[in-house]
Amino acid sequence: MKKTYNMEDRLVQFAGEIILYCNKLPNHNTGRYYSDQMVRSAGSSALNYGEAQGTVTEKDFINKMSLVLKELKETKVSLKILDYVKYGEEQKRKFLLQESQELAAISATMILNKKRSQK
């Protein structure tokens, strides 16, 4: 996947790559559970970012970005669990894990910067 530097596009690509990864997981209890969980949390991070762009106040922006960060962390933990049990395509799993960490770090920085600008 080509690296993009637009946050919205990057979150959309991440959610899409999660869907593609999950579509290849085995169709049994474990595969379905983690697929459902990650598709929801990765998709939610992109959707909440879109909402954050339309906020009127800095407080609302921080709140929405906090949800983005929460969902990215949830996706990251799911990927770590799947990595621990070596579930799914290894190269894709490692890439998604790294990408979730980078997106979470960027989101946290955006929140901190907005909080600093309020002071």
PDB file of N, CA and C in Angstrom:
ATOM      1  N   MET A   1       0.836  -1.178   0.000  1.00  0.00           N
ATOM      2  CA  MET A   1       0.000   0.000   0.000  1.00  0.00           C
ATOM      3  C   MET A   1       0.880   1.240   0.000  1.00  0.00           C
ATOM      4  N   LYS A   2       0.585   2.168  -0.890  1.00  0.00           N
ATOM      5  CA  LYS A   2       1.346   3.412  -0.980  1.00  0.00           C
ATOM      6  C   LYS A   2       1.009   4.307   0.211  1.00  0.00           C
ATOM      7  N   LYS A   3       2.050   4.870   0.833  1.00  0.00           N
ATOM      8  CA  LYS A   3       1.863   5.729   1.998  1.00  0.00           C
ATOM      9  C   LYS A   3       1.323   7.078   1.551  1.00  0.00           C
ATOM     10  N   THR A   4       0.259   7.523   2.208  1.00  0.00           N
ATOM     11  CA  THR A   4      -0.316   8.832   1.931  1.00  0.00           C
ATOM     12  C   THR A   4      -0.149   9.699   3.174  1.00  0.00           C
ATOM     13  N   TYR A   5      -0.167  11.005   2.997  1.00  0.00           N
ATOM     14  CA  TYR A   5       0.075  11.896   4.123  1.00  0.00           C
ATOM     15  C   TYR A   5      -1.149  12.722   4.503  1.00  0.00           C
ATOM     16  N   ASN A   6      -2.272  12.504   3.823  1.00  0.00           N
ATOM     17  CA  ASN A   6      -3.525  13.137   4.198  1.00  0.00           C
ATOM     18  C   ASN A   6      -4.186  12.224   5.231  1.00  0.00           C
ATOM     19  N   MET A   7      -4.474  12.752   6.420  1.00  0.00           N
ATOM     20  CA  MET A   7      -4.962  11.918   7.516  1.00  0.00           C
ATOM     21  C   MET A   7      -6.277  11.226   7.167  1.00  0.00           C
ATOM     22  N   GLU A   8      -7.209  11.932   6.574  1.00  0.00           N
ATOM     23  CA  GLU A   8      -8.490  11.304   6.231  1.00  0.00           C
ATOM     24  C   GLU A   8      -8.273  10.164   5.233  1.00  0.00           C
ATOM     25  N   ASP A   9      -7.507  10.423   4.196  1.00  0.00           N
ATOM     26  CA  ASP A   9      -7.234   9.382   3.203  1.00  0.00           C
ATOM     27  C   ASP A   9      -6.503   8.197   3.826  1.00  0.00           C
ATOM     28  N   ARG A  10      -5.600   8.485   4.725  1.00  0.00           N
ATOM     29  CA  ARG A  10      -4.842   7.413   5.373  1.00  0.00           C
ATOM     30  C   ARG A  10      -5.741   6.547   6.250  1.00  0.00           C
ATOM     31  N   LEU A  11      -6.673   7.185   6.967  1.00  0.00           N
ATOM     32  CA  LEU A  11      -7.615   6.423   7.792  1.00  0.00           C
ATOM     33  C   LEU A  11      -8.565   5.599   6.925  1.00  0.00           C
ATOM     34  N   VAL A  12      -8.999   6.164   5.806  1.00  0.00           N
ATOM     35  CA  VAL A  12      -9.863   5.431   4.879  1.00  0.00           C
ATOM     36  C   VAL A  12      -9.113   4.225   4.307  1.00  0.00           C
ATOM     37  N   GLN A  13      -7.867   4.426   3.897  1.00  0.00           N
ATOM     38  CA  GLN A  13      -7.055   3.317   3.383  1.00  0.00           C
ATOM     39  C   GLN A  13      -6.855   2.252   4.453  1.00  0.00           C
ATOM     40  N   PHE A  14      -6.600   2.698   5.687  1.00  0.00           N
ATOM     41  CA  PHE A  14      -6.393   1.756   6.788  1.00  0.00           C
ATOM     42  C   PHE A  14      -7.651   0.906   6.999  1.00  0.00           C
ATOM     43  N   ALA A  15      -8.814   1.553   7.046  1.00  0.00           N
ATOM     44  CA  ALA A  15     -10.064   0.819   7.229  1.00  0.00           C
ATOM     45  C   ALA A  15     -10.280  -0.153   6.075  1.00  0.00           C
ATOM     46  N   GLY A  16      -9.980   0.281   4.864  1.00  0.00           N
ATOM     47  CA  GLY A  16     -10.112  -0.599   3.699  1.00  0.00           C
ATOM     48  C   GLY A  16      -9.162  -1.784   3.760  1.00  0.00           C
ATOM     49  N   GLU A  17      -7.933  -1.535   4.164  1.00  0.00           N
ATOM     50  CA  GLU A  17      -6.953  -2.624   4.273  1.00  0.00           C
ATOM     51  C   GLU A  17      -7.346  -3.605   5.376  1.00  0.00           C
ATOM     52  N   ILE A  18      -7.951  -3.110   6.438  1.00  0.00           N
ATOM     53  CA  ILE A  18      -8.454  -3.995   7.501  1.00  0.00           C
ATOM     54  C   ILE A  18      -9.539  -4.906   6.926  1.00  0.00           C
ATOM     55  N   ILE A  19     -10.449  -4.337   6.136  1.00  0.00           N
ATOM     56  CA  ILE A  19     -11.511  -5.140   5.523  1.00  0.00           C
ATOM     57  C   ILE A  19     -10.899  -6.237   4.642  1.00  0.00           C
ATOM     58  N   LEU A  20      -9.936  -5.860   3.803  1.00  0.00           N
ATOM     59  CA  LEU A  20      -9.301  -6.841   2.913  1.00  0.00           C
ATOM     60  C   LEU A  20      -8.583  -7.933   3.707  1.00  0.00           C
ATOM     61  N   TYR A  21      -7.909  -7.546   4.794  1.00  0.00           N
ATOM     62  CA  TYR A  21      -7.220  -8.515   5.654  1.00  0.00           C
ATOM     63  C   TYR A  21      -8.238  -9.458   6.303  1.00  0.00           C
ATOM     64  N   CYS A  22      -9.300  -8.879   6.832  1.00  0.00           N
ATOM     65  CA  CYS A  22     -10.304  -9.683   7.541  1.00  0.00           C
ATOM     66  C   CYS A  22     -11.049 -10.624   6.609  1.00  0.00           C
ATOM     67  N   ASN A  23     -11.236 -10.229   5.363  1.00  0.00           N
ATOM     68  CA  ASN A  23     -11.923 -11.090   4.399  1.00  0.00           C
ATOM     69  C   ASN A  23     -11.164 -12.385   4.150  1.00  0.00           C
ATOM     70  N   LYS A  24      -9.887 -12.401   4.460  1.00  0.00           N
ATOM     71  CA  LYS A  24      -9.066 -13.599   4.235  1.00  0.00           C
ATOM     72  C   LYS A  24      -8.881 -14.440   5.504  1.00  0.00           C
ATOM     73  N   LEU A  25      -9.426 -13.977   6.631  1.00  0.00           N
ATOM     74  CA  LEU A  25      -9.328 -14.774   7.856  1.00  0.00           C
ATOM     75  C   LEU A  25     -10.287 -15.955   7.765  1.00  0.00           C
ATOM     76  N   PRO A  26      -9.949 -17.058   8.430  1.00  0.00           N
ATOM     77  CA  PRO A  26     -10.841 -18.225   8.405  1.00  0.00           C
ATOM     78  C   PRO A  26     -12.243 -17.880   8.922  1.00  0.00           C
ATOM     79  N   ASN A  27     -13.229 -18.530   8.344  1.00  0.00           N
ATOM     80  CA  ASN A  27     -14.619 -18.260   8.697  1.00  0.00           C
ATOM     81  C   ASN A  27     -15.077 -19.220   9.805  1.00  0.00           C
ATOM     82  N   HIS A  28     -14.516 -19.009  10.996  1.00  0.00           N
ATOM     83  CA  HIS A  28     -14.993 -19.739  12.178  1.00  0.00           C
ATOM     84  C   HIS A  28     -15.064 -18.746  13.324  1.00  0.00           C
ATOM     85  N   ASN A  29     -15.388 -19.201  14.509  1.00  0.00           N
ATOM     86  CA  ASN A  29     -15.663 -18.288  15.627  1.00  0.00           C
ATOM     87  C   ASN A  29     -14.593 -17.221  15.826  1.00  0.00           C
ATOM     88  N   THR A  30     -13.354 -17.625  15.905  1.00  0.00           N
ATOM     89  CA  THR A  30     -12.273 -16.673  16.153  1.00  0.00           C
ATOM     90  C   THR A  30     -12.129 -15.688  15.001  1.00  0.00           C
ATOM     91  N   GLY A  31     -12.111 -16.197  13.791  1.00  0.00           N
ATOM     92  CA  GLY A  31     -11.978 -15.335  12.622  1.00  0.00           C
ATOM     93  C   GLY A  31     -13.107 -14.330  12.521  1.00  0.00           C
ATOM     94  N   ARG A  32     -14.335 -14.793  12.704  1.00  0.00           N
ATOM     95  CA  ARG A  32     -15.497 -13.887  12.625  1.00  0.00           C
ATOM     96  C   ARG A  32     -15.470 -12.857  13.747  1.00  0.00           C
ATOM     97  N   TYR A  33     -15.112 -13.285  14.958  1.00  0.00           N
ATOM     98  CA  TYR A  33     -15.102 -12.363  16.099  1.00  0.00           C
ATOM     99  C   TYR A  33     -14.126 -11.207  15.857  1.00  0.00           C
ATOM    100  N   TYR A  34     -12.880 -11.534  15.528  1.00  0.00           N
ATOM    101  CA  TYR A  34     -11.887 -10.482  15.334  1.00  0.00           C
ATOM    102  C   TYR A  34     -12.131  -9.689  14.052  1.00  0.00           C
ATOM    103  N   SER A  35     -12.640 -10.335  13.032  1.00  0.00           N
ATOM    104  CA  SER A  35     -12.994  -9.602  11.807  1.00  0.00           C
ATOM    105  C   SER A  35     -14.044  -8.547  12.104  1.00  0.00           C
ATOM    106  N   ASP A  36     -15.123  -8.963  12.740  1.00  0.00           N
ATOM    107  CA  ASP A  36     -16.204  -8.021  13.065  1.00  0.00           C
ATOM    108  C   ASP A  36     -15.696  -6.871  13.925  1.00  0.00           C
ATOM    109  N   GLN A  37     -14.908  -7.218  14.925  1.00  0.00           N
ATOM    110  CA  GLN A  37     -14.391  -6.213  15.865  1.00  0.00           C
ATOM    111  C   GLN A  37     -13.498  -5.191  15.155  1.00  0.00           C
ATOM    112  N   MET A  38     -12.571  -5.681  14.350  1.00  0.00           N
ATOM    113  CA  MET A  38     -11.621  -4.776  13.693  1.00  0.00           C
ATOM    114  C   MET A  38     -12.263  -3.957  12.582  1.00  0.00           C
ATOM    115  N   VAL A  39     -13.187  -4.540  11.847  1.00  0.00           N
ATOM    116  CA  VAL A  39     -13.865  -3.771  10.798  1.00  0.00           C
ATOM    117  C   VAL A  39     -14.638  -2.614  11.433  1.00  0.00           C
ATOM    118  N   ARG A  40     -15.295  -2.885  12.562  1.00  0.00           N
ATOM    119  CA  ARG A  40     -16.032  -1.808  13.255  1.00  0.00           C
ATOM    120  C   ARG A  40     -15.097  -0.737  13.799  1.00  0.00           C
ATOM    121  N   SER A  41     -14.046  -1.144  14.489  1.00  0.00           N
ATOM    122  CA  SER A  41     -13.185  -0.139  15.130  1.00  0.00           C
ATOM    123  C   SER A  41     -12.369   0.651  14.107  1.00  0.00           C
ATOM    124  N   ALA A  42     -11.848  -0.001  13.077  1.00  0.00           N
ATOM    125  CA  ALA A  42     -11.074   0.723  12.061  1.00  0.00           C
ATOM    126  C   ALA A  42     -11.983   1.650  11.264  1.00  0.00           C
ATOM    127  N   GLY A  43     -13.155   1.166  10.904  1.00  0.00           N
ATOM    128  CA  GLY A  43     -14.105   2.009  10.180  1.00  0.00           C
ATOM    129  C   GLY A  43     -14.565   3.187  11.013  1.00  0.00           C
ATOM    130  N   SER A  44     -14.784   2.938  12.292  1.00  0.00           N
ATOM    131  CA  SER A  44     -15.223   3.999  13.195  1.00  0.00           C
ATOM    132  C   SER A  44     -14.162   5.088  13.333  1.00  0.00           C
ATOM    133  N   SER A  45     -12.896   4.704  13.310  1.00  0.00           N
ATOM    134  CA  SER A  45     -11.841   5.723  13.423  1.00  0.00           C
ATOM    135  C   SER A  45     -11.897   6.672  12.230  1.00  0.00           C
ATOM    136  N   ALA A  46     -12.106   6.142  11.039  1.00  0.00           N
ATOM    137  CA  ALA A  46     -12.203   6.991   9.844  1.00  0.00           C
ATOM    138  C   ALA A  46     -13.459   7.858   9.891  1.00  0.00           C
ATOM    139  N   LEU A  47     -14.578   7.274  10.289  1.00  0.00           N
ATOM    140  CA  LEU A  47     -15.834   8.028  10.344  1.00  0.00           C
ATOM    141  C   LEU A  47     -15.781   9.139  11.394  1.00  0.00           C
ATOM    142  N   ASN A  48     -15.225   8.833  12.552  1.00  0.00           N
ATOM    143  CA  ASN A  48     -15.118   9.860  13.599  1.00  0.00           C
ATOM    144  C   ASN A  48     -14.163  10.978  13.191  1.00  0.00           C
ATOM    145  N   TYR A  49     -13.130  10.642  12.429  1.00  0.00           N
ATOM    146  CA  TYR A  49     -12.232  11.683  11.936  1.00  0.00           C
ATOM    147  C   TYR A  49     -12.999  12.620  11.008  1.00  0.00           C
ATOM    148  N   GLY A  50     -13.834  12.052  10.161  1.00  0.00           N
ATOM    149  CA  GLY A  50     -14.668  12.884   9.285  1.00  0.00           C
ATOM    150  C   GLY A  50     -15.557  13.815  10.087  1.00  0.00           C
ATOM    151  N   GLU A  51     -16.126  13.307  11.169  1.00  0.00           N
ATOM    152  CA  GLU A  51     -16.950  14.149  12.036  1.00  0.00           C
ATOM    153  C   GLU A  51     -16.107  15.220  12.723  1.00  0.00           C
ATOM    154  N   ALA A  52     -14.898  14.882  13.110  1.00  0.00           N
ATOM    155  CA  ALA A  52     -14.021  15.851  13.780  1.00  0.00           C
ATOM    156  C   ALA A  52     -13.733  17.044  12.875  1.00  0.00           C
ATOM    157  N   GLN A  53     -13.659  16.786  11.577  1.00  0.00           N
ATOM    158  CA  GLN A  53     -13.381  17.875  10.633  1.00  0.00           C
ATOM    159  C   GLN A  53     -14.526  18.877  10.544  1.00  0.00           C
ATOM    160  N   GLY A  54     -15.715  18.462  10.953  1.00  0.00           N
ATOM    161  CA  GLY A  54     -16.867  19.349  10.877  1.00  0.00           C
ATOM    162  C   GLY A  54     -17.265  19.970  12.209  1.00  0.00           C
ATOM    163  N   THR A  55     -16.429  19.802  13.223  1.00  0.00           N
ATOM    164  CA  THR A  55     -16.793  20.351  14.537  1.00  0.00           C
ATOM    165  C   THR A  55     -16.651  21.867  14.557  1.00  0.00           C
ATOM    166  N   VAL A  56     -17.421  22.468  15.440  1.00  0.00           N
ATOM    167  CA  VAL A  56     -17.425  23.922  15.549  1.00  0.00           C
ATOM    168  C   VAL A  56     -16.469  24.399  16.635  1.00  0.00           C
ATOM    169  N   THR A  57     -16.386  23.656  17.723  1.00  0.00           N
ATOM    170  CA  THR A  57     -15.545  24.085  18.840  1.00  0.00           C
ATOM    171  C   THR A  57     -14.322  23.186  18.978  1.00  0.00           C
ATOM    172  N   GLU A  58     -13.306  23.710  19.629  1.00  0.00           N
ATOM    173  CA  GLU A  58     -12.101  22.917  19.879  1.00  0.00           C
ATOM    174  C   GLU A  58     -12.414  21.744  20.805  1.00  0.00           C
ATOM    175  N   LYS A  59     -13.327  21.963  21.759  1.00  0.00           N
ATOM    176  CA  LYS A  59     -13.716  20.894  22.679  1.00  0.00           C
ATOM    177  C   LYS A  59     -14.356  19.733  21.918  1.00  0.00           C
ATOM    178  N   ASP A  60     -15.223  20.049  20.965  1.00  0.00           N
ATOM    179  CA  ASP A  60     -15.844  19.001  20.149  1.00  0.00           C
ATOM    180  C   ASP A  60     -14.792  18.265  19.308  1.00  0.00           C
ATOM    181  N   PHE A  61     -13.839  19.018  18.761  1.00  0.00           N
ATOM    182  CA  PHE A  61     -12.774  18.402  17.971  1.00  0.00           C
ATOM    183  C   PHE A  61     -11.974  17.432  18.829  1.00  0.00           C
ATOM    184  N   ILE A  62     -11.609  17.855  20.026  1.00  0.00           N
ATOM    185  CA  ILE A  62     -10.839  16.994  20.930  1.00  0.00           C
ATOM    186  C   ILE A  62     -11.635  15.740  21.275  1.00  0.00           C
ATOM    187  N   ASN A  63     -12.934  15.908  21.510  1.00  0.00           N
ATOM    188  CA  ASN A  63     -13.788  14.769  21.838  1.00  0.00           C
ATOM    189  C   ASN A  63     -13.825  13.763  20.681  1.00  0.00           C
ATOM    190  N   LYS A  64     -14.048  14.237  19.472  1.00  0.00           N
ATOM    191  CA  LYS A  64     -14.104  13.341  18.311  1.00  0.00           C
ATOM    192  C   LYS A  64     -12.752  12.681  18.052  1.00  0.00           C
ATOM    193  N   MET A  65     -11.681  13.449  18.177  1.00  0.00           N
ATOM    194  CA  MET A  65     -10.353  12.876  17.957  1.00  0.00           C
ATOM    195  C   MET A  65     -10.000  11.864  19.055  1.00  0.00           C
ATOM    196  N   SER A  66     -10.535  12.064  20.249  1.00  0.00           N
ATOM    197  CA  SER A  66     -10.334  11.080  21.315  1.00  0.00           C
ATOM    198  C   SER A  66     -11.005   9.762  20.957  1.00  0.00           C
ATOM    199  N   LEU A  67     -12.161   9.846  20.287  1.00  0.00           N
ATOM    200  CA  LEU A  67     -12.828   8.631  19.815  1.00  0.00           C
ATOM    201  C   LEU A  67     -12.019   7.956  18.713  1.00  0.00           C
ATOM    202  N   VAL A  68     -11.447   8.759  17.816  1.00  0.00           N
ATOM    203  CA  VAL A  68     -10.574   8.212  16.770  1.00  0.00           C
ATOM    204  C   VAL A  68      -9.434   7.434  17.419  1.00  0.00           C
ATOM    205  N   LEU A  69      -8.794   8.047  18.402  1.00  0.00           N
ATOM    206  CA  LEU A  69      -7.662   7.419  19.090  1.00  0.00           C
ATOM    207  C   LEU A  69      -8.088   6.134  19.805  1.00  0.00           C
ATOM    208  N   LYS A  70      -9.224   6.174  20.471  1.00  0.00           N
ATOM    209  CA  LYS A  70      -9.732   4.999  21.180  1.00  0.00           C
ATOM    210  C   LYS A  70      -9.959   3.837  20.209  1.00  0.00           C
ATOM    211  N   GLU A  71     -10.574   4.117  19.073  1.00  0.00           N
ATOM    212  CA  GLU A  71     -10.862   3.071  18.094  1.00  0.00           C
ATOM    213  C   GLU A  71      -9.585   2.523  17.461  1.00  0.00           C
ATOM    214  N   LEU A  72      -8.611   3.395  17.216  1.00  0.00           N
ATOM    215  CA  LEU A  72      -7.331   2.929  16.677  1.00  0.00           C
ATOM    216  C   LEU A  72      -6.612   2.030  17.671  1.00  0.00           C
ATOM    217  N   LYS A  73      -6.668   2.375  18.945  1.00  0.00           N
ATOM    218  CA  LYS A  73      -6.031   1.546  19.972  1.00  0.00           C
ATOM    219  C   LYS A  73      -6.725   0.192  20.068  1.00  0.00           C
ATOM    220  N   GLU A  74      -8.047   0.191  19.926  1.00  0.00           N
ATOM    221  CA  GLU A  74      -8.786  -1.068  19.955  1.00  0.00           C
ATOM    222  C   GLU A  74      -8.381  -1.959  18.780  1.00  0.00           C
ATOM    223  N   THR A  75      -8.258  -1.362  17.615  1.00  0.00           N
ATOM    224  CA  THR A  75      -7.826  -2.116  16.435  1.00  0.00           C
ATOM    225  C   THR A  75      -6.415  -2.653  16.639  1.00  0.00           C
ATOM    226  N   LYS A  76      -5.549  -1.816  17.208  1.00  0.00           N
ATOM    227  CA  LYS A  76      -4.161  -2.227  17.446  1.00  0.00           C
ATOM    228  C   LYS A  76      -4.096  -3.439  18.379  1.00  0.00           C
ATOM    229  N   VAL A  77      -4.887  -3.436  19.437  1.00  0.00           N
ATOM    230  CA  VAL A  77      -4.861  -4.553  20.381  1.00  0.00           C
ATOM    231  C   VAL A  77      -5.370  -5.829  19.717  1.00  0.00           C
ATOM    232  N   SER A  78      -6.407  -5.715  18.910  1.00  0.00           N
ATOM    233  CA  SER A  78      -6.893  -6.884  18.171  1.00  0.00           C
ATOM    234  C   SER A  78      -5.797  -7.439  17.261  1.00  0.00           C
ATOM    235  N   LEU A  79      -5.098  -6.549  16.572  1.00  0.00           N
ATOM    236  CA  LEU A  79      -4.007  -6.984  15.695  1.00  0.00           C
ATOM    237  C   LEU A  79      -2.875  -7.623  16.497  1.00  0.00           C
ATOM    238  N   LYS A  80      -2.601  -7.110  17.678  1.00  0.00           N
ATOM    239  CA  LYS A  80      -1.554  -7.705  18.523  1.00  0.00           C
ATOM    240  C   LYS A  80      -1.941  -9.114  18.960  1.00  0.00           C
ATOM    241  N   ILE A  81      -3.218  -9.294  19.268  1.00  0.00           N
ATOM    242  CA  ILE A  81      -3.686 -10.635  19.644  1.00  0.00           C
ATOM    243  C   ILE A  81      -3.528 -11.581  18.459  1.00  0.00           C
ATOM    244  N   LEU A  82      -3.957 -11.137  17.279  1.00  0.00           N
ATOM    245  CA  LEU A  82      -3.826 -11.974  16.089  1.00  0.00           C
ATOM    246  C   LEU A  82      -2.364 -12.228  15.745  1.00  0.00           C
ATOM    247  N   ASP A  83      -1.513 -11.247  16.012  1.00  0.00           N
ATOM    248  CA  ASP A  83      -0.082 -11.441  15.779  1.00  0.00           C
ATOM    249  C   ASP A  83       0.479 -12.481  16.749  1.00  0.00           C
ATOM    250  N   TYR A  84       0.028 -12.442  17.978  1.00  0.00           N
ATOM    251  CA  TYR A  84       0.493 -13.392  18.984  1.00  0.00           C
ATOM    252  C   TYR A  84       0.187 -14.837  18.573  1.00  0.00           C
ATOM    253  N   VAL A  85      -0.998 -15.045  18.010  1.00  0.00           N
ATOM    254  CA  VAL A  85      -1.387 -16.407  17.619  1.00  0.00           C
ATOM    255  C   VAL A  85      -1.077 -16.696  16.151  1.00  0.00           C
ATOM    256  N   LYS A  86      -0.382 -15.733  15.481  1.00  0.00           N
ATOM    257  CA  LYS A  86       0.033 -15.897  14.084  1.00  0.00           C
ATOM    258  C   LYS A  86      -1.169 -16.179  13.172  1.00  0.00           C
ATOM    259  N   TYR A  87      -2.171 -15.316  13.275  1.00  0.00           N
ATOM    260  CA  TYR A  87      -3.438 -15.500  12.570  1.00  0.00           C
ATOM    261  C   TYR A  87      -3.515 -14.564  11.383  1.00  0.00           C
ATOM    262  N   GLY A  88      -3.773 -15.088  10.212  1.00  0.00           N
ATOM    263  CA  GLY A  88      -3.860 -14.267   9.013  1.00  0.00           C
ATOM    264  C   GLY A  88      -2.483 -14.088   8.372  1.00  0.00           C
ATOM    265  N   GLU A  89      -2.491 -13.405   7.242  1.00  0.00           N
ATOM    266  CA  GLU A  89      -1.270 -13.184   6.468  1.00  0.00           C
ATOM    267  C   GLU A  89      -0.276 -12.330   7.270  1.00  0.00           C
ATOM    268  N   GLU A  90       0.910 -12.874   7.522  1.00  0.00           N
ATOM    269  CA  GLU A  90       1.873 -12.229   8.416  1.00  0.00           C
ATOM    270  C   GLU A  90       2.304 -10.842   7.949  1.00  0.00           C
ATOM    271  N   GLN A  91       2.695 -10.705   6.701  1.00  0.00           N
ATOM    272  CA  GLN A  91       3.193  -9.424   6.211  1.00  0.00           C
ATOM    273  C   GLN A  91       2.119  -8.341   6.318  1.00  0.00           C
ATOM    274  N   LYS A  92       0.904  -8.667   5.948  1.00  0.00           N
ATOM    275  CA  LYS A  92      -0.210  -7.714   6.021  1.00  0.00           C
ATOM    276  C   LYS A  92      -0.513  -7.367   7.475  1.00  0.00           C
ATOM    277  N   ARG A  93      -0.514  -8.366   8.356  1.00  0.00           N
ATOM    278  CA  ARG A  93      -0.780  -8.155   9.778  1.00  0.00           C
ATOM    279  C   ARG A  93       0.261  -7.218  10.389  1.00  0.00           C
ATOM    280  N   LYS A  94       1.526  -7.443  10.078  1.00  0.00           N
ATOM    281  CA  LYS A  94       2.604  -6.593  10.612  1.00  0.00           C
ATOM    282  C   LYS A  94       2.461  -5.165  10.102  1.00  0.00           C
ATOM    283  N   PHE A  95       2.142  -5.017   8.807  1.00  0.00           N
ATOM    284  CA  PHE A  95       1.940  -3.684   8.244  1.00  0.00           C
ATOM    285  C   PHE A  95       0.785  -2.966   8.935  1.00  0.00           C
ATOM    286  N   LEU A  96      -0.339  -3.657   9.113  1.00  0.00           N
ATOM    287  CA  LEU A  96      -1.511  -3.042   9.740  1.00  0.00           C
ATOM    288  C   LEU A  96      -1.236  -2.677  11.201  1.00  0.00           C
ATOM    289  N   LEU A  97      -0.484  -3.506  11.874  1.00  0.00           N
ATOM    290  CA  LEU A  97      -0.120  -3.203  13.253  1.00  0.00           C
ATOM    291  C   LEU A  97       0.732  -1.940  13.313  1.00  0.00           C
ATOM    292  N   GLN A  98       1.715  -1.835  12.450  1.00  0.00           N
ATOM    293  CA  GLN A  98       2.561  -0.633  12.387  1.00  0.00           C
ATOM    294  C   GLN A  98       1.734   0.596  12.027  1.00  0.00           C
ATOM    295  N   GLU A  99       0.852   0.450  11.054  1.00  0.00           N
ATOM    296  CA  GLU A  99       0.021   1.574  10.617  1.00  0.00           C
ATOM    297  C   GLU A  99      -0.917   2.022  11.736  1.00  0.00           C
ATOM    298  N   SER A 100      -1.480   1.089  12.487  1.00  0.00           N
ATOM    299  CA  SER A 100      -2.365   1.471  13.591  1.00  0.00           C
ATOM    300  C   SER A 100      -1.593   2.254  14.648  1.00  0.00           C
ATOM    301  N   GLN A 101      -0.359   1.872  14.899  1.00  0.00           N
ATOM    302  CA  GLN A 101       0.469   2.578  15.872  1.00  0.00           C
ATOM    303  C   GLN A 101       0.803   3.988  15.384  1.00  0.00           C
ATOM    304  N   GLU A 102       1.142   4.115  14.112  1.00  0.00           N
ATOM    305  CA  GLU A 102       1.464   5.433  13.560  1.00  0.00           C
ATOM    306  C   GLU A 102       0.241   6.350  13.559  1.00  0.00           C
ATOM    307  N   LEU A 103      -0.906   5.827  13.151  1.00  0.00           N
ATOM    308  CA  LEU A 103      -2.129   6.634  13.125  1.00  0.00           C
ATOM    309  C   LEU A 103      -2.541   7.059  14.533  1.00  0.00           C
ATOM    310  N   ALA A 104      -2.355   6.169  15.502  1.00  0.00           N
ATOM    311  CA  ALA A 104      -2.672   6.512  16.890  1.00  0.00           C
ATOM    312  C   ALA A 104      -1.735   7.621  17.391  1.00  0.00           C
ATOM    313  N   ALA A 105      -0.473   7.535  17.052  1.00  0.00           N
ATOM    314  CA  ALA A 105       0.490   8.563  17.475  1.00  0.00           C
ATOM    315  C   ALA A 105       0.148   9.919  16.847  1.00  0.00           C
ATOM    316  N   ILE A 106      -0.212   9.914  15.578  1.00  0.00           N
ATOM    317  CA  ILE A 106      -0.599  11.164  14.907  1.00  0.00           C
ATOM    318  C   ILE A 106      -1.849  11.742  15.557  1.00  0.00           C
ATOM    319  N   SER A 107      -2.831  10.889  15.832  1.00  0.00           N
ATOM    320  CA  SER A 107      -4.074  11.348  16.460  1.00  0.00           C
ATOM    321  C   SER A 107      -3.817  11.939  17.845  1.00  0.00           C
ATOM    322  N   ALA A 108      -2.971  11.270  18.624  1.00  0.00           N
ATOM    323  CA  ALA A 108      -2.642  11.772  19.966  1.00  0.00           C
ATOM    324  C   ALA A 108      -1.955  13.130  19.873  1.00  0.00           C
ATOM    325  N   THR A 109      -1.079  13.295  18.902  1.00  0.00           N
ATOM    326  CA  THR A 109      -0.396  14.578  18.706  1.00  0.00           C
ATOM    327  C   THR A 109      -1.388  15.669  18.324  1.00  0.00           C
ATOM    328  N   MET A 110      -2.347  15.340  17.468  1.00  0.00           N
ATOM    329  CA  MET A 110      -3.363  16.316  17.082  1.00  0.00           C
ATOM    330  C   MET A 110      -4.178  16.768  18.293  1.00  0.00           C
ATOM    331  N   ILE A 111      -4.508  15.830  19.167  1.00  0.00           N
ATOM    332  CA  ILE A 111      -5.262  16.158  20.381  1.00  0.00           C
ATOM    333  C   ILE A 111      -4.430  17.061  21.283  1.00  0.00           C
ATOM    334  N   LEU A 112      -3.173  16.685  21.511  1.00  0.00           N
ATOM    335  CA  LEU A 112      -2.291  17.493  22.373  1.00  0.00           C
ATOM    336  C   LEU A 112      -2.092  18.898  21.818  1.00  0.00           C
ATOM    337  N   ASN A 113      -1.901  18.990  20.512  1.00  0.00           N
ATOM    338  CA  ASN A 113      -1.715  20.305  19.908  1.00  0.00           C
ATOM    339  C   ASN A 113      -2.957  21.182  20.068  1.00  0.00           C
ATOM    340  N   LYS A 114      -4.112  20.602  19.917  1.00  0.00           N
ATOM    341  CA  LYS A 114      -5.368  21.355  20.071  1.00  0.00           C
ATOM    342  C   LYS A 114      -5.547  21.776  21.530  1.00  0.00           C
ATOM    343  N   LYS A 115      -5.185  20.910  22.471  1.00  0.00           N
ATOM    344  CA  LYS A 115      -5.278  21.255  23.892  1.00  0.00           C
ATOM    345  C   LYS A 115      -4.323  22.393  24.233  1.00  0.00           C
ATOM    346  N   ARG A 116      -3.123  22.352  23.673  1.00  0.00           N
ATOM    347  CA  ARG A 116      -2.150  23.421  23.919  1.00  0.00           C
ATOM    348  C   ARG A 116      -2.635  24.748  23.361  1.00  0.00           C
ATOM    349  N   SER A 117      -3.303  24.712  22.228  1.00  0.00           N
ATOM    350  CA  SER A 117      -3.777  25.959  21.606  1.00  0.00           C
ATOM    351  C   SER A 117      -4.930  26.576  22.390  1.00  0.00           C
ATOM    352  N   GLN A 118      -5.571  25.797  23.256  1.00  0.00           N
ATOM    353  CA  GLN A 118      -6.666  26.306  24.079  1.00  0.00           C
ATOM    354  C   GLN A 118      -6.161  27.146  25.240  1.00  0.00           C
ATOM    355  N   LYS A 119      -4.917  26.943  25.625  1.00  0.00           N
ATOM    356  CA  LYS A 119      -4.371  27.627  26.811  1.00  0.00           C
ATOM    357  C   LYS A 119      -3.949  29.028  26.518  1.00  0.00           C
TER     358      LYS A 119
END
